[in-house]
Amino acid sequence: MTVEASTPAGERMTLNMGPHHPATHGVLRIVVESDGEVVARCTPDHGYLHRSIEKIGECVEWPMFVPYTDRIDYVCAMNANLAYCVAVERLLASDPATTVVVPRRAECIRVLVAELNRISSHLIAVGAMAMDVGAYTPFLHGIAQREAVNDIFEKLCGQRLTYNYVTIGGVAFDLHDGAVAEIAAFLDQFEREMQRFNRLVTTNTIFRDRCAGLAVVDAAQAIAWGLVGPNLRGSGVDFDLRRDESYGIYGELDVRVPKGEAFAGRHGRQGDAYDRYVVRLLEIQESVRLCRAVLQLLPPAADKPADPLGGHQAEVSKILRKVPKGAVHVRTEAPRGEMGYWIVSDGGKVPFRVRCRTGSFTAAGMFQHVMRGIFLADVVAVIGSFDVVVPEIDR
């Protein structure tokens, strides 16, 4: 529901949300002009977290930039590692002498950790959105399951937030002993917990009615504003890079793509806040299915890390001393949508240009459009429905 503001601009109240407001999902400042309880104008104000990460990428050697990609989106650092490493491997493939063949087992592990990280990222998104509209308990349910994923990652690479795990040519470590059984057991219990979560939140009348018809973005608007990922699919656009521009072994997995269908019923509309929420839940279910499929495809471990089938890391140390000249743009499907890298090489061991495209930047740009005319109490729900992470905006 939207309401037209009637008060002249000079008589409106200006409110600051952030940069340290708990509902802004990081150091994001939003300047809201209100006409009573109605939002007349909403302007995001970025820059509080800028760290010149892309410039740093032009000052360090190719593999040394991988830890910095963790910081571009710390909620899904595995996916951020993967995006950059796939881009570098595509650039290396432009010259047969430097082509890197990632071992089959490493490709499977990459997809496995990327989908587990998608699950944990979406759990933060849906849990935080519920908390933003006043339901605190569901966030704790989401955090509990996310911690189970982090327990697996900690055994795998020693880290729980910024992993530095995916490498150029493979992954840093092979799966730990018992990892396959542990991941399979997690997926089984996680599905049961998600049924409980859905009873608690998704089918809750108060939550559903609060989000139904809120901040509607139709398919044409989503494309015009450059939305990506669940925000794009929530508007009914059938597009997923894992399926449509597949990389790694995603082309073998028959990725199913959920999209918004006015899930809130007669009070909702396709592309509203509730659709974006439900699409993320459906993507969680799909990630569970993909993880199980990858476990079936996983080759047994080999004695040598560079073994083309059962190894976990190709030999790239000599190749990366002189990357062939050229430029490449590679897009991957991160939890917040397209994470793409434009990298340029001048033939040396340090990138000439590194640029990253993220989903949160364009999502935040939508705020001023979709928040005009909504009530002040709904602002936090809209922010949560777009699942922005500030490091993706301020790089």
Foldseek 3Di string as FASTA:
>chain_A
DFAAADDPQVPWDWDWQACPHPLLQHRKIKIFTDRVQFTAFIDIDFDPPFDPLQVVLQVDFLFVSLLVLCLLPQLQSLVSSVQSLLFLQVLLVVDVVRHAQAALLLLLVSLLSQLLSLLLLLLCLLQSLCVLLPDNVSNVLSVVLLVLSQVQLCQFQNDRTRRSFATNRFGDGHRDPPSLVSLVVSLVVVVVSVVVSCVVAVPDPVNLLLFAAALADAQVRCVVLVAFALLNQQNVDFDACCDPVNDRCSVVQPQDAHGHDQVSPPRHDRNILSSSSVSSVVSSVSSSVSSVVSSVVNDDADPDQCPNYRHGGNDNPVSLQWRDFDWDKDWHQHSLGTWIWIWGPPGGRRTNGIDIQTRQQSLSVCLRVRRRRDGPSCSSSSSSSSSHNSSNNRD
